[in-house]
């Protein structure tokens, strides 16, 4: 969703008269978020394909048939010059309908290992825009172009004024939070906040905000004032920009948004969902811009890794410089260029 919003923003900056329509699930967060950006939204039915519990797919033929029909009607009504797919099962019926209608298709893939939807749909696409060069070997596409993952305009401004050592730490568990990461942080908060120059911002996710508020209440007053838990933030770009170090899951959009601003990271990849987050971290770890802790080791290693960064000014500076070379804040503009090329060739 967020890469799609980023591309729409870039397109609108380049062509204010361009018409953009989002398609997604009515019951997901897409409709609310897209509306908050002032963009039109069309709901289409969608259902995931369960590979391990095949019996749960019994409604899939009905849902997919309805989704294809509605997608076809949507294309006939909107008459797009080009269709952009950013992955996920919700994109399957619309991209399939666009392929059958011979509407030019561009796909955008955020993860190093492309998701199942992108791998299936790539054969219909004129171009697949990827975040990593390695992604191309998994795709049967006419053309792949490394653009980076599009980030929203609020993430385009890079930060340059880093201190000698981290003083503000932001913890991100994704929009739903990360229980194991939250617990690991809770265990070391008293030790961490014993340093009077440190402040912690913590995205807990909605399910665990009350638990982390209780942790905050148990801290001594001076330390509690420097710990700020929150469930979700609409001003995430601003929070990233004031952070000196970020502890986070390794979702593709988060990595792209943080690297565009240029903040070094400690990454705890989500171990499930095919393990794609473990692959996403490799370029950042190899460049020295991030330190990776496996999810199952975060409880025992987070304190030591933080100590090694906070107490070593030279290491921290190297992480800052390495991240500066990885961010691609203008990836959305590159994808817009690919959309124009696909539309012109039609």
Foldseek 3Di string as FASTA:
>chain_A
DQLVVLLVVLVCVVPVPDADEAEEAPPDCVVVVCVVVVHHYHYAFFDDQDPPCNVVCPCVVVRLVRRLVVLLVVCVVVVDLEEEAADDRRCQSNLVNCLVVVRAYEYEALFLAGDPSCQVSQCSHQEYEYCDPNNVVSHPHPYYHDLHRAHHPLLQAAADDADLFWAEEEEEEDLQADVLLVVLCLVCLQVVLVPVSHAYEYQHAPVCQVVVVVSLVPHPPSSSVRYHYDPDDPPVSVVLLPGQEYEYEQDRRVLQSNLSRQHAYEYAHDCDPPRRSVVSCVVLVVLLLYHYDYSVCSNPCVVVVSCVRRVDSVSSVSNSVSSPVSHNNCSSNVVNVVRVVSSVVD
